[in-house]
Amino acid sequence: MPLSAISQTIEQTAPLAISHLGQFPSSMISFNLAPGASLGEAVDAIRNAEAEIAMPASMITTFQGAALAFQAALRNELLLIVAAILTVYIVLGVLYESYIHPVTILSTLPRPGSAPCWR
């Protein structure tokens, strides 16, 4: 029985190697930041572009390197702010030997972004 009876041969170009991330085949797209642009703006722009092109649910995108570290740092930001405020409250409470005085002091501090920015 000839092989052509059960199969057909097609000649075409193919990659020499297929890269994987975990168990899935992957493609890497890298980018550089424009002068004056921040990494947060770049990550937001990439996420907006993903939403605009409406990728299928089977496509998974992840960041690697500095962008991944940036996202990991932002994930814990709220917890760090709460821990810092709690630490300041405890230190002021010990200093003034009171539960209410730290609240009065913390409430008079300016909020981030509300202070004038002098250049």
N, C-alpha and C. Protein backbone atom coordinates (compact mmCIF):
# COMPACT_ATOMS: atom_id res chain seq x y z
N MET A 1 0.85 -1.16 0.00
CA MET A 1 0.00 0.00 0.00
C MET A 1 0.91 1.23 0.00
N PRO A 2 0.71 2.14 -0.93
CA PRO A 2 1.54 3.35 -0.97
C PRO A 2 1.14 4.34 0.14
N LEU A 3 2.11 5.11 0.62
CA LEU A 3 1.86 6.09 1.67
C LEU A 3 0.90 7.18 1.22
N SER A 4 0.88 7.50 -0.06
CA SER A 4 -0.01 8.53 -0.58
C SER A 4 -1.49 8.12 -0.51
N ALA A 5 -1.78 6.88 -0.27
CA ALA A 5 -3.16 6.42 -0.15
C ALA A 5 -3.78 6.84 1.18
N ILE A 6 -3.00 7.02 2.21
CA ILE A 6 -3.55 7.37 3.51
C ILE A 6 -3.10 8.75 4.01
N SER A 7 -2.20 9.40 3.28
CA SER A 7 -1.73 10.72 3.72
C SER A 7 -1.34 11.55 2.50
N GLN A 8 -1.16 12.83 2.76
CA GLN A 8 -0.67 13.70 1.70
C GLN A 8 0.45 14.56 2.26
N THR A 9 1.37 14.91 1.43
CA THR A 9 2.52 15.69 1.84
C THR A 9 2.37 17.11 1.32
N ILE A 10 2.55 18.07 2.22
CA ILE A 10 2.49 19.48 1.85
C ILE A 10 3.80 20.12 2.28
N GLU A 11 4.47 20.80 1.37
CA GLU A 11 5.69 21.51 1.72
C GLU A 11 5.35 22.96 2.00
N GLN A 12 5.75 23.43 3.19
CA GLN A 12 5.52 24.82 3.56
C GLN A 12 6.56 25.23 4.59
N THR A 13 6.66 26.52 4.84
CA THR A 13 7.62 27.00 5.83
C THR A 13 7.03 26.84 7.22
N ALA A 14 7.90 26.60 8.17
CA ALA A 14 7.49 26.44 9.57
C ALA A 14 8.62 26.93 10.46
N PRO A 15 8.30 27.33 11.67
CA PRO A 15 9.38 27.78 12.57
C PRO A 15 10.29 26.61 12.95
N LEU A 16 11.56 26.94 13.20
CA LEU A 16 12.51 25.91 13.61
C LEU A 16 12.26 25.45 15.04
N ALA A 17 11.75 26.38 15.86
CA ALA A 17 11.47 26.05 17.25
C ALA A 17 10.20 26.78 17.68
N ILE A 18 9.46 26.18 18.57
CA ILE A 18 8.26 26.80 19.11
C ILE A 18 8.52 27.05 20.59
N SER A 19 8.46 28.33 20.98
CA SER A 19 8.72 28.65 22.39
C SER A 19 7.45 28.42 23.21
N HIS A 20 7.66 28.09 24.47
CA HIS A 20 6.56 27.80 25.39
C HIS A 20 6.71 28.62 26.66
N LEU A 21 5.60 28.96 27.25
CA LEU A 21 5.57 29.57 28.58
C LEU A 21 4.68 28.65 29.41
N GLY A 22 5.31 27.88 30.29
CA GLY A 22 4.57 26.83 30.98
C GLY A 22 4.30 25.72 29.99
N GLN A 23 3.06 25.32 29.86
CA GLN A 23 2.72 24.25 28.93
C GLN A 23 2.14 24.76 27.62
N PHE A 24 2.01 26.09 27.50
CA PHE A 24 1.36 26.66 26.33
C PHE A 24 2.37 27.24 25.34
N PRO A 25 2.10 27.11 24.05
CA PRO A 25 2.96 27.80 23.08
C PRO A 25 2.82 29.31 23.26
N SER A 26 3.92 30.03 23.05
CA SER A 26 3.89 31.47 23.34
C SER A 26 4.64 32.27 22.28
N SER A 27 4.31 33.53 22.24
CA SER A 27 5.03 34.52 21.44
C SER A 27 5.41 35.65 22.37
N MET A 28 6.57 36.19 22.16
CA MET A 28 7.01 37.30 23.00
C MET A 28 7.03 38.57 22.17
N ILE A 29 6.40 39.59 22.71
CA ILE A 29 6.40 40.91 22.09
C ILE A 29 7.04 41.84 23.11
N SER A 30 8.12 42.48 22.74
CA SER A 30 8.80 43.38 23.67
C SER A 30 8.57 44.82 23.24
N PHE A 31 8.76 45.74 24.18
CA PHE A 31 8.56 47.15 23.89
C PHE A 31 9.52 47.99 24.70
N ASN A 32 9.79 49.17 24.21
CA ASN A 32 10.58 50.16 24.95
C ASN A 32 9.67 51.34 25.25
N LEU A 33 9.99 52.06 26.29
CA LEU A 33 9.20 53.22 26.65
C LEU A 33 9.66 54.44 25.88
N ALA A 34 8.69 55.26 25.48
CA ALA A 34 9.02 56.52 24.84
C ALA A 34 9.61 57.46 25.88
N PRO A 35 10.43 58.41 25.46
CA PRO A 35 10.99 59.35 26.44
C PRO A 35 9.87 60.09 27.18
N GLY A 36 9.96 60.10 28.49
CA GLY A 36 8.96 60.78 29.31
C GLY A 36 7.75 59.93 29.65
N ALA A 37 7.63 58.74 29.10
CA ALA A 37 6.48 57.87 29.39
C ALA A 37 6.81 56.99 30.59
N SER A 38 5.78 56.64 31.35
CA SER A 38 5.99 55.78 32.51
C SER A 38 5.57 54.35 32.18
N LEU A 39 6.05 53.43 32.97
CA LEU A 39 5.73 52.02 32.77
C LEU A 39 4.24 51.77 33.00
N GLY A 40 3.64 52.48 33.95
CA GLY A 40 2.20 52.33 34.21
C GLY A 40 1.37 52.75 33.01
N GLU A 41 1.76 53.83 32.33
CA GLU A 41 1.05 54.27 31.13
C GLU A 41 1.17 53.23 30.02
N ALA A 42 2.36 52.63 29.89
CA ALA A 42 2.57 51.63 28.85
C ALA A 42 1.72 50.38 29.11
N VAL A 43 1.67 49.95 30.36
CA VAL A 43 0.87 48.76 30.71
C VAL A 43 -0.61 49.04 30.44
N ASP A 44 -1.07 50.23 30.82
CA ASP A 44 -2.47 50.60 30.56
C ASP A 44 -2.77 50.66 29.07
N ALA A 45 -1.84 51.20 28.28
CA ALA A 45 -2.04 51.28 26.83
C ALA A 45 -2.11 49.89 26.20
N ILE A 46 -1.30 48.97 26.67
CA ILE A 46 -1.32 47.60 26.15
C ILE A 46 -2.63 46.92 26.52
N ARG A 47 -3.08 47.08 27.77
CA ARG A 47 -4.36 46.49 28.18
C ARG A 47 -5.53 47.09 27.38
N ASN A 48 -5.49 48.39 27.10
CA ASN A 48 -6.55 49.02 26.29
C ASN A 48 -6.53 48.49 24.86
N ALA A 49 -5.33 48.28 24.31
CA ALA A 49 -5.22 47.73 22.96
C ALA A 49 -5.77 46.30 22.90
N GLU A 50 -5.52 45.52 23.95
CA GLU A 50 -6.08 44.17 24.02
C GLU A 50 -7.60 44.20 24.02
N ALA A 51 -8.17 45.14 24.76
CA ALA A 51 -9.64 45.25 24.82
C ALA A 51 -10.21 45.70 23.49
N GLU A 52 -9.52 46.59 22.79
CA GLU A 52 -10.02 47.11 21.51
C GLU A 52 -10.07 46.04 20.44
N ILE A 53 -9.06 45.16 20.40
CA ILE A 53 -9.04 44.16 19.33
C ILE A 53 -9.89 42.94 19.67
N ALA A 54 -10.42 42.89 20.88
CA ALA A 54 -11.32 41.81 21.32
C ALA A 54 -10.71 40.43 21.05
N MET A 55 -9.63 40.14 21.75
CA MET A 55 -8.98 38.85 21.59
C MET A 55 -9.88 37.74 22.10
N PRO A 56 -9.80 36.56 21.50
CA PRO A 56 -10.62 35.45 22.00
C PRO A 56 -10.19 35.05 23.41
N ALA A 57 -11.08 34.38 24.11
CA ALA A 57 -10.82 33.99 25.50
C ALA A 57 -9.69 32.98 25.60
N SER A 58 -9.38 32.28 24.52
CA SER A 58 -8.31 31.29 24.55
C SER A 58 -6.92 31.93 24.52
N MET A 59 -6.86 33.23 24.21
CA MET A 59 -5.57 33.94 24.19
C MET A 59 -5.32 34.51 25.58
N ILE A 60 -4.19 34.19 26.15
CA ILE A 60 -3.81 34.67 27.48
C ILE A 60 -2.59 35.56 27.33
N THR A 61 -2.63 36.74 27.93
CA THR A 61 -1.48 37.62 27.88
C THR A 61 -0.95 37.85 29.29
N THR A 62 0.36 37.84 29.41
CA THR A 62 1.02 38.11 30.68
C THR A 62 2.22 39.00 30.41
N PHE A 63 2.63 39.71 31.43
CA PHE A 63 3.82 40.53 31.34
C PHE A 63 4.97 39.79 31.99
N GLN A 64 6.18 40.06 31.54
CA GLN A 64 7.38 39.48 32.11
C GLN A 64 8.33 40.62 32.46
N GLY A 65 9.31 40.36 33.27
CA GLY A 65 10.36 41.33 33.57
C GLY A 65 9.87 42.49 34.41
N ALA A 66 10.26 43.71 33.99
CA ALA A 66 9.97 44.91 34.78
C ALA A 66 8.47 45.18 34.88
N ALA A 67 7.73 44.90 33.80
CA ALA A 67 6.28 45.13 33.83
C ALA A 67 5.59 44.19 34.82
N LEU A 68 6.07 42.97 34.93
CA LEU A 68 5.52 42.02 35.90
C LEU A 68 5.83 42.47 37.33
N ALA A 69 7.06 42.94 37.56
CA ALA A 69 7.43 43.43 38.88
C ALA A 69 6.63 44.68 39.24
N PHE A 70 6.36 45.53 38.25
CA PHE A 70 5.56 46.73 38.47
C PHE A 70 4.14 46.35 38.91
N GLN A 71 3.54 45.40 38.21
CA GLN A 71 2.19 44.97 38.57
C GLN A 71 2.16 44.31 39.94
N ALA A 72 3.18 43.54 40.28
CA ALA A 72 3.24 42.90 41.60
C ALA A 72 3.36 43.95 42.70
N ALA A 73 4.13 45.02 42.44
CA ALA A 73 4.27 46.08 43.42
C ALA A 73 2.95 46.82 43.62
N LEU A 74 2.21 47.05 42.55
CA LEU A 74 0.92 47.75 42.66
C LEU A 74 -0.12 46.90 43.36
N ARG A 75 -0.01 45.60 43.25
CA ARG A 75 -0.98 44.71 43.87
C ARG A 75 -0.96 44.84 45.39
N ASN A 76 0.20 45.14 45.95
CA ASN A 76 0.34 45.23 47.40
C ASN A 76 0.32 46.66 47.91
N GLU A 77 0.08 47.62 47.05
CA GLU A 77 0.18 49.03 47.43
C GLU A 77 -0.83 49.40 48.53
N LEU A 78 -2.07 49.01 48.41
CA LEU A 78 -3.08 49.35 49.41
C LEU A 78 -2.73 48.77 50.77
N LEU A 79 -2.27 47.53 50.78
CA LEU A 79 -1.88 46.90 52.04
C LEU A 79 -0.72 47.65 52.68
N LEU A 80 0.25 48.10 51.89
CA LEU A 80 1.39 48.83 52.43
C LEU A 80 0.96 50.19 52.99
N ILE A 81 0.03 50.87 52.33
CA ILE A 81 -0.44 52.17 52.82
C ILE A 81 -1.18 52.00 54.14
N VAL A 82 -2.04 51.00 54.23
CA VAL A 82 -2.77 50.74 55.47
C VAL A 82 -1.80 50.38 56.59
N ALA A 83 -0.79 49.57 56.29
CA ALA A 83 0.19 49.19 57.31
C ALA A 83 0.99 50.41 57.78
N ALA A 84 1.32 51.31 56.86
CA ALA A 84 2.06 52.52 57.23
C ALA A 84 1.22 53.42 58.13
N ILE A 85 -0.05 53.61 57.79
CA ILE A 85 -0.93 54.44 58.62
C ILE A 85 -1.12 53.82 59.99
N LEU A 86 -1.29 52.52 60.05
CA LEU A 86 -1.44 51.83 61.33
C LEU A 86 -0.17 51.96 62.18
N THR A 87 0.99 51.85 61.54
CA THR A 87 2.25 52.00 62.26
C THR A 87 2.40 53.42 62.83
N VAL A 88 2.08 54.41 62.02
CA VAL A 88 2.15 55.80 62.50
C VAL A 88 1.16 56.01 63.65
N TYR A 89 -0.03 55.43 63.54
CA TYR A 89 -1.02 55.54 64.62
C TYR A 89 -0.49 54.95 65.92
N ILE A 90 0.12 53.78 65.82
CA ILE A 90 0.64 53.12 67.03
C ILE A 90 1.77 53.94 67.65
N VAL A 91 2.69 54.44 66.80
CA VAL A 91 3.80 55.24 67.33
C VAL A 91 3.29 56.52 67.99
N LEU A 92 2.34 57.20 67.33
CA LEU A 92 1.78 58.42 67.93
C LEU A 92 0.98 58.10 69.20
N GLY A 93 0.30 56.97 69.22
CA GLY A 93 -0.44 56.56 70.41
C GLY A 93 0.47 56.32 71.59
N VAL A 94 1.61 55.69 71.34
CA VAL A 94 2.58 55.47 72.40
C VAL A 94 3.19 56.79 72.84
N LEU A 95 3.48 57.66 71.88
CA LEU A 95 4.09 58.95 72.20
C LEU A 95 3.17 59.82 73.05
N TYR A 96 1.90 59.91 72.67
CA TYR A 96 0.95 60.77 73.39
C TYR A 96 0.16 60.03 74.47
N GLU A 97 0.36 58.73 74.60
CA GLU A 97 -0.33 57.90 75.58
C GLU A 97 -1.84 58.11 75.50
N SER A 98 -2.35 58.05 74.28
CA SER A 98 -3.78 58.30 74.05
C SER A 98 -4.22 57.52 72.81
N TYR A 99 -5.52 57.19 72.78
CA TYR A 99 -6.08 56.55 71.60
C TYR A 99 -6.64 57.56 70.60
N ILE A 100 -7.00 58.75 71.05
CA ILE A 100 -7.67 59.72 70.20
C ILE A 100 -6.71 60.73 69.58
N HIS A 101 -5.63 61.10 70.28
CA HIS A 101 -4.71 62.10 69.74
C HIS A 101 -4.07 61.70 68.40
N PRO A 102 -3.70 60.45 68.18
CA PRO A 102 -3.17 60.09 66.86
C PRO A 102 -4.20 60.33 65.73
N VAL A 103 -5.48 60.13 66.02
CA VAL A 103 -6.51 60.38 65.00
C VAL A 103 -6.56 61.86 64.66
N THR A 104 -6.45 62.72 65.67
CA THR A 104 -6.48 64.17 65.41
C THR A 104 -5.27 64.59 64.59
N ILE A 105 -4.13 64.05 64.91
CA ILE A 105 -2.92 64.42 64.18
C ILE A 105 -2.97 63.89 62.75
N LEU A 106 -3.36 62.63 62.57
CA LEU A 106 -3.43 62.05 61.23
C LEU A 106 -4.49 62.73 60.36
N SER A 107 -5.56 63.22 60.97
CA SER A 107 -6.61 63.87 60.19
C SER A 107 -6.20 65.25 59.69
N THR A 108 -5.18 65.86 60.30
CA THR A 108 -4.75 67.18 59.86
C THR A 108 -3.66 67.12 58.79
N LEU A 109 -3.16 65.93 58.49
CA LEU A 109 -2.14 65.81 57.45
C LEU A 109 -2.76 66.05 56.07
N PRO A 110 -2.04 66.71 55.15
CA PRO A 110 -2.59 66.92 53.81
C PRO A 110 -2.68 65.60 53.04
N ARG A 111 -3.69 65.49 52.23
CA ARG A 111 -3.88 64.30 51.40
C ARG A 111 -2.89 64.35 50.24
N PRO A 112 -2.44 63.21 49.74
CA PRO A 112 -1.55 63.21 48.57
C PRO A 112 -2.27 63.85 47.38
N GLY A 113 -1.60 64.72 46.72
CA GLY A 113 -2.19 65.38 45.55
C GLY A 113 -2.90 66.67 45.88
N SER A 114 -3.21 66.91 47.17
CA SER A 114 -3.91 68.14 47.52
C SER A 114 -2.94 69.26 47.88
N ALA A 115 -1.69 68.90 48.15
CA ALA A 115 -0.70 69.92 48.47
C ALA A 115 -0.25 70.62 47.19
N PRO A 116 0.04 71.91 47.24
CA PRO A 116 0.49 72.61 46.04
C PRO A 116 1.83 72.08 45.57
N CYS A 117 1.99 72.01 44.29
CA CYS A 117 3.22 71.52 43.70
C CYS A 117 4.00 72.73 43.16
N TRP A 118 5.12 73.03 43.78
CA TRP A 118 5.93 74.16 43.37
C TRP A 118 7.05 73.68 42.47
N ARG A 119 7.19 74.33 41.34
CA ARG A 119 8.27 73.96 40.41
C ARG A 119 9.25 75.07 40.25
